N, C-alpha and C. Protein backbone atom coordinates (compact mmCIF):
# COMPACT_ATOMS: atom_id res chain seq x y z
N MET A 1 8.07 -51.68 22.93
CA MET A 1 7.58 -50.75 21.92
C MET A 1 8.72 -49.81 21.56
N THR A 2 8.99 -49.66 20.28
CA THR A 2 10.08 -48.80 19.83
C THR A 2 9.52 -47.48 19.35
N SER A 3 10.31 -46.46 19.56
CA SER A 3 9.90 -45.12 19.14
C SER A 3 10.58 -44.78 17.83
N SER A 4 9.83 -44.20 16.91
CA SER A 4 10.42 -43.82 15.63
C SER A 4 11.02 -42.41 15.69
N ALA A 5 10.87 -41.74 16.84
CA ALA A 5 11.41 -40.39 16.98
C ALA A 5 12.93 -40.47 17.12
N ARG A 6 13.60 -39.51 16.53
CA ARG A 6 15.06 -39.46 16.63
C ARG A 6 15.45 -38.06 17.06
N ALA A 7 16.60 -37.97 17.60
CA ALA A 7 17.12 -36.66 18.03
C ALA A 7 17.47 -35.85 16.78
N PRO A 8 17.23 -34.54 16.81
CA PRO A 8 17.58 -33.72 15.65
C PRO A 8 19.11 -33.66 15.46
N THR A 9 19.51 -33.55 14.22
CA THR A 9 20.94 -33.44 13.90
C THR A 9 21.41 -32.03 14.24
N THR A 10 22.72 -31.87 14.25
CA THR A 10 23.30 -30.54 14.51
C THR A 10 22.82 -29.53 13.48
N ASP A 11 22.79 -29.96 12.20
CA ASP A 11 22.32 -29.04 11.15
C ASP A 11 20.85 -28.67 11.35
N GLU A 12 20.03 -29.62 11.79
CA GLU A 12 18.62 -29.30 12.04
C GLU A 12 18.48 -28.32 13.20
N LEU A 13 19.27 -28.52 14.24
CA LEU A 13 19.23 -27.59 15.38
C LEU A 13 19.70 -26.20 14.96
N LEU A 14 20.75 -26.14 14.14
CA LEU A 14 21.23 -24.84 13.64
C LEU A 14 20.18 -24.19 12.75
N ALA A 15 19.51 -24.97 11.91
CA ALA A 15 18.47 -24.43 11.04
C ALA A 15 17.31 -23.87 11.86
N MET A 16 16.95 -24.57 12.95
CA MET A 16 15.87 -24.08 13.82
C MET A 16 16.28 -22.76 14.47
N ALA A 17 17.50 -22.74 15.01
CA ALA A 17 17.97 -21.52 15.67
C ALA A 17 18.08 -20.37 14.68
N TYR A 18 18.55 -20.64 13.47
CA TYR A 18 18.69 -19.60 12.45
C TYR A 18 17.31 -19.07 12.05
N ALA A 19 16.36 -19.97 11.81
CA ALA A 19 15.01 -19.56 11.41
C ALA A 19 14.33 -18.74 12.50
N ASP A 20 14.66 -19.02 13.76
CA ASP A 20 14.06 -18.28 14.87
C ASP A 20 14.85 -17.02 15.24
N GLY A 21 15.97 -16.79 14.54
CA GLY A 21 16.78 -15.61 14.83
C GLY A 21 17.51 -15.70 16.16
N GLU A 22 17.87 -16.92 16.56
CA GLU A 22 18.48 -17.12 17.87
C GLU A 22 19.99 -17.32 17.83
N LEU A 23 20.59 -17.29 16.65
CA LEU A 23 22.04 -17.48 16.57
C LEU A 23 22.76 -16.18 16.91
N ALA A 24 23.91 -16.33 17.55
CA ALA A 24 24.78 -15.17 17.80
C ALA A 24 25.26 -14.63 16.46
N PRO A 25 25.63 -13.36 16.38
CA PRO A 25 26.02 -12.77 15.09
C PRO A 25 27.13 -13.54 14.37
N GLU A 26 28.15 -14.00 15.12
CA GLU A 26 29.24 -14.75 14.46
C GLU A 26 28.74 -16.09 13.95
N ALA A 27 27.96 -16.79 14.76
CA ALA A 27 27.41 -18.08 14.35
C ALA A 27 26.46 -17.91 13.17
N GLU A 28 25.71 -16.82 13.16
CA GLU A 28 24.79 -16.55 12.05
C GLU A 28 25.56 -16.33 10.76
N ARG A 29 26.64 -15.55 10.81
CA ARG A 29 27.45 -15.33 9.60
C ARG A 29 28.05 -16.64 9.09
N ALA A 30 28.54 -17.46 10.00
CA ALA A 30 29.12 -18.75 9.61
C ALA A 30 28.06 -19.65 8.99
N PHE A 31 26.87 -19.65 9.60
CA PHE A 31 25.78 -20.48 9.08
C PHE A 31 25.34 -19.99 7.71
N GLU A 32 25.25 -18.67 7.54
CA GLU A 32 24.84 -18.13 6.24
C GLU A 32 25.87 -18.45 5.16
N ALA A 33 27.15 -18.50 5.52
CA ALA A 33 28.18 -18.89 4.55
C ALA A 33 27.97 -20.33 4.12
N ARG A 34 27.64 -21.20 5.08
CA ARG A 34 27.34 -22.60 4.73
C ARG A 34 26.05 -22.69 3.92
N LEU A 35 25.09 -21.87 4.30
CA LEU A 35 23.77 -21.87 3.66
C LEU A 35 23.87 -21.55 2.17
N ALA A 36 24.77 -20.63 1.84
CA ALA A 36 24.92 -20.22 0.43
C ALA A 36 25.34 -21.38 -0.46
N GLY A 37 26.09 -22.32 0.08
CA GLY A 37 26.58 -23.40 -0.77
C GLY A 37 25.95 -24.75 -0.52
N ASP A 38 24.97 -24.84 0.36
CA ASP A 38 24.40 -26.14 0.71
C ASP A 38 22.88 -26.12 0.51
N PRO A 39 22.40 -26.67 -0.61
CA PRO A 39 20.95 -26.66 -0.87
C PRO A 39 20.16 -27.45 0.18
N ARG A 40 20.77 -28.52 0.74
CA ARG A 40 20.08 -29.31 1.75
C ARG A 40 19.83 -28.47 3.00
N LEU A 41 20.78 -27.63 3.33
CA LEU A 41 20.63 -26.74 4.48
C LEU A 41 19.54 -25.69 4.22
N ARG A 42 19.46 -25.20 2.99
CA ARG A 42 18.41 -24.23 2.64
C ARG A 42 17.03 -24.86 2.78
N VAL A 43 16.91 -26.13 2.44
CA VAL A 43 15.63 -26.84 2.60
C VAL A 43 15.29 -26.97 4.08
N LEU A 44 16.27 -27.26 4.92
CA LEU A 44 16.03 -27.36 6.36
C LEU A 44 15.51 -26.03 6.93
N VAL A 45 16.13 -24.92 6.52
CA VAL A 45 15.69 -23.61 7.00
C VAL A 45 14.29 -23.30 6.48
N ALA A 46 14.03 -23.60 5.22
CA ALA A 46 12.69 -23.36 4.66
C ALA A 46 11.65 -24.18 5.41
N ASP A 47 11.99 -25.42 5.74
CA ASP A 47 11.06 -26.26 6.50
C ASP A 47 10.78 -25.67 7.88
N GLN A 48 11.81 -25.17 8.54
CA GLN A 48 11.63 -24.58 9.87
C GLN A 48 10.77 -23.33 9.80
N ARG A 49 10.96 -22.54 8.79
CA ARG A 49 10.13 -21.33 8.64
C ARG A 49 8.68 -21.70 8.34
N ARG A 50 8.49 -22.74 7.54
CA ARG A 50 7.13 -23.20 7.23
C ARG A 50 6.45 -23.71 8.50
N ILE A 51 7.19 -24.45 9.33
CA ILE A 51 6.64 -24.96 10.60
C ILE A 51 6.27 -23.79 11.51
N ALA A 52 7.11 -22.76 11.55
CA ALA A 52 6.82 -21.60 12.40
C ALA A 52 5.54 -20.90 11.96
N VAL A 53 5.34 -20.78 10.65
CA VAL A 53 4.12 -20.15 10.13
C VAL A 53 2.90 -20.99 10.49
N LEU A 54 3.00 -22.29 10.31
CA LEU A 54 1.88 -23.17 10.65
C LEU A 54 1.57 -23.11 12.15
N ALA A 55 2.61 -23.07 12.98
CA ALA A 55 2.40 -23.00 14.43
C ALA A 55 1.71 -21.69 14.82
N ARG A 56 2.11 -20.59 14.19
CA ARG A 56 1.45 -19.30 14.49
C ARG A 56 -0.01 -19.33 14.08
N GLU A 57 -0.30 -19.95 12.95
CA GLU A 57 -1.68 -20.01 12.47
C GLU A 57 -2.54 -20.92 13.35
N ALA A 58 -1.93 -21.99 13.90
CA ALA A 58 -2.68 -22.94 14.70
C ALA A 58 -2.86 -22.48 16.13
N ALA A 59 -2.01 -21.59 16.59
CA ALA A 59 -2.06 -21.15 17.99
C ALA A 59 -3.31 -20.31 18.24
N PRO A 60 -3.88 -20.45 19.43
CA PRO A 60 -5.05 -19.61 19.75
C PRO A 60 -4.62 -18.15 19.89
N SER A 61 -5.57 -17.28 19.74
CA SER A 61 -5.29 -15.85 19.86
C SER A 61 -4.87 -15.52 21.28
N GLU A 62 -3.98 -14.54 21.38
CA GLU A 62 -3.51 -14.07 22.68
C GLU A 62 -4.58 -13.17 23.31
N PRO A 63 -4.62 -13.07 24.64
CA PRO A 63 -5.61 -12.20 25.29
C PRO A 63 -5.51 -10.75 24.81
N LEU A 64 -4.28 -10.27 24.59
CA LEU A 64 -4.10 -8.89 24.12
C LEU A 64 -4.74 -8.72 22.74
N GLU A 65 -4.55 -9.70 21.88
CA GLU A 65 -5.12 -9.63 20.53
C GLU A 65 -6.65 -9.65 20.59
N LEU A 66 -7.21 -10.51 21.43
CA LEU A 66 -8.67 -10.59 21.57
C LEU A 66 -9.23 -9.29 22.13
N ALA A 67 -8.54 -8.71 23.12
CA ALA A 67 -9.01 -7.45 23.69
C ALA A 67 -8.94 -6.33 22.66
N SER A 68 -7.87 -6.32 21.88
CA SER A 68 -7.75 -5.28 20.85
C SER A 68 -8.86 -5.39 19.82
N ILE A 69 -9.19 -6.60 19.43
CA ILE A 69 -10.28 -6.79 18.47
C ILE A 69 -11.60 -6.29 19.06
N ALA A 70 -11.86 -6.62 20.32
CA ALA A 70 -13.11 -6.17 20.96
C ALA A 70 -13.15 -4.65 21.04
N ILE A 71 -12.02 -4.04 21.37
CA ILE A 71 -11.97 -2.58 21.48
C ILE A 71 -12.17 -1.94 20.11
N GLU A 72 -11.51 -2.51 19.09
CA GLU A 72 -11.64 -1.96 17.73
C GLU A 72 -13.10 -1.94 17.28
N ARG A 73 -13.86 -2.92 17.73
CA ARG A 73 -15.26 -3.00 17.32
C ARG A 73 -16.18 -2.15 18.18
N GLY A 74 -15.66 -1.61 19.25
CA GLY A 74 -16.47 -0.78 20.14
C GLY A 74 -16.83 0.54 19.48
N ALA A 75 -18.02 1.03 19.79
CA ALA A 75 -18.54 2.24 19.14
C ALA A 75 -17.65 3.48 19.33
N PRO A 76 -17.17 3.79 20.53
CA PRO A 76 -16.37 5.02 20.67
C PRO A 76 -15.08 4.97 19.85
N PHE A 77 -14.43 3.81 19.84
CA PHE A 77 -13.17 3.70 19.11
C PHE A 77 -13.41 3.71 17.60
N SER A 78 -14.49 3.08 17.17
CA SER A 78 -14.83 3.10 15.74
C SER A 78 -15.18 4.52 15.29
N LEU A 79 -15.90 5.25 16.15
CA LEU A 79 -16.26 6.62 15.83
C LEU A 79 -15.02 7.51 15.73
N LEU A 80 -14.08 7.33 16.66
CA LEU A 80 -12.84 8.11 16.60
C LEU A 80 -12.06 7.80 15.32
N ALA A 81 -11.99 6.53 14.98
CA ALA A 81 -11.28 6.13 13.76
C ALA A 81 -11.96 6.72 12.53
N PHE A 82 -13.28 6.61 12.48
CA PHE A 82 -14.02 7.14 11.33
C PHE A 82 -13.83 8.65 11.21
N ALA A 83 -13.98 9.36 12.34
CA ALA A 83 -13.84 10.82 12.31
C ALA A 83 -12.43 11.23 11.91
N GLY A 84 -11.43 10.54 12.45
CA GLY A 84 -10.05 10.87 12.11
C GLY A 84 -9.76 10.66 10.63
N ARG A 85 -10.20 9.52 10.11
CA ARG A 85 -9.99 9.25 8.68
C ARG A 85 -10.78 10.22 7.81
N ALA A 86 -11.99 10.53 8.20
CA ALA A 86 -12.81 11.47 7.42
C ALA A 86 -12.15 12.84 7.36
N LEU A 87 -11.58 13.28 8.49
CA LEU A 87 -10.90 14.58 8.49
C LEU A 87 -9.64 14.55 7.61
N LEU A 88 -8.94 13.42 7.59
CA LEU A 88 -7.77 13.31 6.72
C LEU A 88 -8.18 13.37 5.24
N VAL A 89 -9.28 12.70 4.92
CA VAL A 89 -9.79 12.76 3.54
C VAL A 89 -10.22 14.18 3.20
N LEU A 90 -10.91 14.83 4.13
CA LEU A 90 -11.32 16.22 3.92
C LEU A 90 -10.11 17.12 3.68
N ALA A 91 -9.05 16.93 4.48
CA ALA A 91 -7.83 17.74 4.30
C ALA A 91 -7.23 17.50 2.92
N GLY A 92 -7.23 16.24 2.48
CA GLY A 92 -6.70 15.93 1.16
C GLY A 92 -7.53 16.56 0.05
N LEU A 93 -8.85 16.43 0.15
CA LEU A 93 -9.73 17.02 -0.86
C LEU A 93 -9.62 18.54 -0.87
N TRP A 94 -9.54 19.14 0.31
CA TRP A 94 -9.40 20.60 0.43
C TRP A 94 -8.11 21.05 -0.27
N THR A 95 -7.04 20.32 -0.04
CA THR A 95 -5.76 20.67 -0.66
C THR A 95 -5.82 20.52 -2.17
N ILE A 96 -6.45 19.46 -2.65
CA ILE A 96 -6.60 19.27 -4.10
C ILE A 96 -7.42 20.40 -4.70
N LEU A 97 -8.53 20.76 -4.04
CA LEU A 97 -9.35 21.87 -4.52
C LEU A 97 -8.54 23.16 -4.55
N TRP A 98 -7.77 23.41 -3.49
CA TRP A 98 -6.95 24.62 -3.41
C TRP A 98 -5.94 24.65 -4.55
N LEU A 99 -5.30 23.51 -4.83
CA LEU A 99 -4.32 23.45 -5.92
C LEU A 99 -4.98 23.64 -7.29
N CYS A 100 -6.16 23.05 -7.46
CA CYS A 100 -6.87 23.22 -8.74
C CYS A 100 -7.26 24.68 -8.95
N LEU A 101 -7.77 25.32 -7.90
CA LEU A 101 -8.15 26.72 -8.01
C LEU A 101 -6.92 27.63 -8.16
N ALA A 102 -5.79 27.20 -7.61
CA ALA A 102 -4.55 27.98 -7.75
C ALA A 102 -4.09 28.01 -9.21
N TYR A 103 -4.50 27.00 -9.96
CA TYR A 103 -4.14 26.94 -11.37
C TYR A 103 -4.77 28.11 -12.13
N PHE A 104 -6.00 28.44 -11.73
CA PHE A 104 -6.68 29.58 -12.33
C PHE A 104 -6.44 30.78 -11.41
N GLU A 105 -5.59 31.66 -11.80
CA GLU A 105 -5.17 32.74 -10.91
C GLU A 105 -6.31 33.66 -10.51
N SER A 106 -7.32 33.78 -11.33
CA SER A 106 -8.41 34.70 -11.01
C SER A 106 -9.44 34.07 -10.07
N ALA A 107 -9.39 32.76 -9.90
CA ALA A 107 -10.38 32.09 -9.05
C ALA A 107 -10.11 32.38 -7.57
N ARG A 108 -11.20 32.52 -6.85
CA ARG A 108 -11.08 32.76 -5.41
C ARG A 108 -10.80 31.42 -4.73
N ARG A 109 -9.71 31.37 -3.95
CA ARG A 109 -9.32 30.12 -3.31
C ARG A 109 -9.70 30.13 -1.83
N PRO A 110 -10.15 28.99 -1.34
CA PRO A 110 -10.41 28.91 0.11
C PRO A 110 -9.07 28.94 0.84
N PRO A 111 -9.03 29.42 2.05
CA PRO A 111 -7.76 29.47 2.77
C PRO A 111 -7.22 28.05 3.03
N ILE A 112 -5.94 27.88 2.79
CA ILE A 112 -5.32 26.56 2.97
C ILE A 112 -5.27 26.18 4.45
N ALA A 113 -5.48 27.15 5.32
CA ALA A 113 -5.48 26.87 6.76
C ALA A 113 -6.59 25.88 7.13
N GLY A 114 -7.67 25.84 6.36
CA GLY A 114 -8.74 24.88 6.61
C GLY A 114 -8.25 23.45 6.43
N ALA A 115 -7.45 23.23 5.40
CA ALA A 115 -6.89 21.90 5.16
C ALA A 115 -5.92 21.53 6.28
N ALA A 116 -5.12 22.49 6.71
CA ALA A 116 -4.17 22.23 7.80
C ALA A 116 -4.90 21.90 9.09
N LEU A 117 -6.00 22.60 9.36
CA LEU A 117 -6.79 22.34 10.55
C LEU A 117 -7.42 20.94 10.49
N ALA A 118 -7.99 20.59 9.35
CA ALA A 118 -8.59 19.26 9.20
C ALA A 118 -7.53 18.17 9.35
N LEU A 119 -6.34 18.40 8.79
CA LEU A 119 -5.25 17.44 8.91
C LEU A 119 -4.84 17.28 10.37
N ALA A 120 -4.66 18.39 11.07
CA ALA A 120 -4.24 18.33 12.47
C ALA A 120 -5.31 17.65 13.32
N LEU A 121 -6.58 17.97 13.10
CA LEU A 121 -7.65 17.34 13.88
C LEU A 121 -7.74 15.84 13.58
N GLY A 122 -7.62 15.47 12.31
CA GLY A 122 -7.68 14.06 11.94
C GLY A 122 -6.55 13.26 12.57
N LEU A 123 -5.34 13.79 12.47
CA LEU A 123 -4.20 13.09 13.09
C LEU A 123 -4.34 13.06 14.61
N GLY A 124 -4.86 14.14 15.18
CA GLY A 124 -5.06 14.17 16.63
C GLY A 124 -6.07 13.13 17.09
N LEU A 125 -7.17 12.98 16.36
CA LEU A 125 -8.18 11.98 16.73
C LEU A 125 -7.63 10.57 16.61
N LEU A 126 -6.86 10.31 15.55
CA LEU A 126 -6.28 8.98 15.39
C LEU A 126 -5.24 8.71 16.48
N ALA A 127 -4.47 9.71 16.86
CA ALA A 127 -3.49 9.54 17.94
C ALA A 127 -4.21 9.31 19.27
N LEU A 128 -5.28 10.06 19.52
CA LEU A 128 -6.06 9.87 20.74
C LEU A 128 -6.62 8.46 20.81
N ARG A 129 -7.12 7.98 19.70
CA ARG A 129 -7.65 6.63 19.64
C ARG A 129 -6.57 5.60 19.96
N ALA A 130 -5.38 5.78 19.39
CA ALA A 130 -4.27 4.86 19.65
C ALA A 130 -3.90 4.86 21.13
N VAL A 131 -3.86 6.02 21.74
CA VAL A 131 -3.53 6.13 23.16
C VAL A 131 -4.61 5.44 24.01
N LEU A 132 -5.85 5.66 23.69
CA LEU A 132 -6.94 5.04 24.45
C LEU A 132 -6.95 3.52 24.30
N VAL A 133 -6.69 3.03 23.11
CA VAL A 133 -6.62 1.58 22.89
C VAL A 133 -5.46 1.00 23.70
N ARG A 134 -4.31 1.66 23.66
CA ARG A 134 -3.15 1.17 24.42
C ARG A 134 -3.45 1.18 25.92
N ARG A 135 -4.08 2.23 26.38
CA ARG A 135 -4.40 2.34 27.81
C ARG A 135 -5.37 1.23 28.24
N ALA A 136 -6.27 0.87 27.35
CA ALA A 136 -7.26 -0.16 27.69
C ALA A 136 -6.67 -1.57 27.65
N THR A 137 -5.54 -1.76 26.97
CA THR A 137 -4.98 -3.10 26.82
C THR A 137 -3.62 -3.28 27.48
N VAL A 138 -3.07 -2.26 28.08
CA VAL A 138 -1.71 -2.35 28.63
C VAL A 138 -1.61 -3.44 29.70
N HIS A 139 -2.66 -3.67 30.45
CA HIS A 139 -2.61 -4.70 31.49
C HIS A 139 -2.49 -6.11 30.93
N LEU A 140 -2.77 -6.30 29.66
CA LEU A 140 -2.67 -7.61 29.02
C LEU A 140 -1.34 -7.81 28.28
N ASP A 141 -0.54 -6.78 28.19
CA ASP A 141 0.71 -6.84 27.44
C ASP A 141 1.75 -7.67 28.20
N PRO A 142 2.17 -8.80 27.61
CA PRO A 142 3.14 -9.65 28.33
C PRO A 142 4.52 -9.00 28.45
N TYR A 143 4.81 -7.95 27.71
CA TYR A 143 6.11 -7.32 27.73
C TYR A 143 6.14 -6.05 28.59
N ARG A 144 5.06 -5.73 29.26
CA ARG A 144 4.96 -4.44 29.95
C ARG A 144 5.97 -4.28 31.09
N ASP A 145 6.44 -5.36 31.68
CA ASP A 145 7.35 -5.26 32.82
C ASP A 145 8.82 -5.34 32.41
N LEU A 146 9.10 -5.54 31.14
CA LEU A 146 10.50 -5.61 30.69
C LEU A 146 11.10 -4.22 30.62
N ARG A 147 12.34 -4.12 31.05
CA ARG A 147 13.07 -2.87 30.96
C ARG A 147 14.23 -3.06 30.01
N ARG A 148 14.48 -2.08 29.18
CA ARG A 148 15.59 -2.20 28.22
C ARG A 148 16.74 -1.37 28.66
């Protein structure tokens, strides 16, 4: 029985490495110089990128991704997100109202400190939510033990 599979050519291997960002800086510059003048090479790189996209779409979800989705749908985290966004919208509306009333010099304006407080609270709630989500999923992070 004969196999129709063949070993990849040097150009195909370079295209794979380039598409994956695995070439050393000097090799990448040399490859890009060849790439500019070789349409066949551009097709090889485009094919490798297309394969990478298809592979990512076909791959099952990672445990970290699944846990994040479950947490995002949880009531406390959804409530924090809603409250944070609502406060940001309130701060924006408050500021717009303040600016509109500032146009009419005789109009009584609400203190702008209310908008600043709503902004700070909204950002604080969203930051708290991000910290809590990270804390709940850090044990699933495959990169947690890497040191830079």
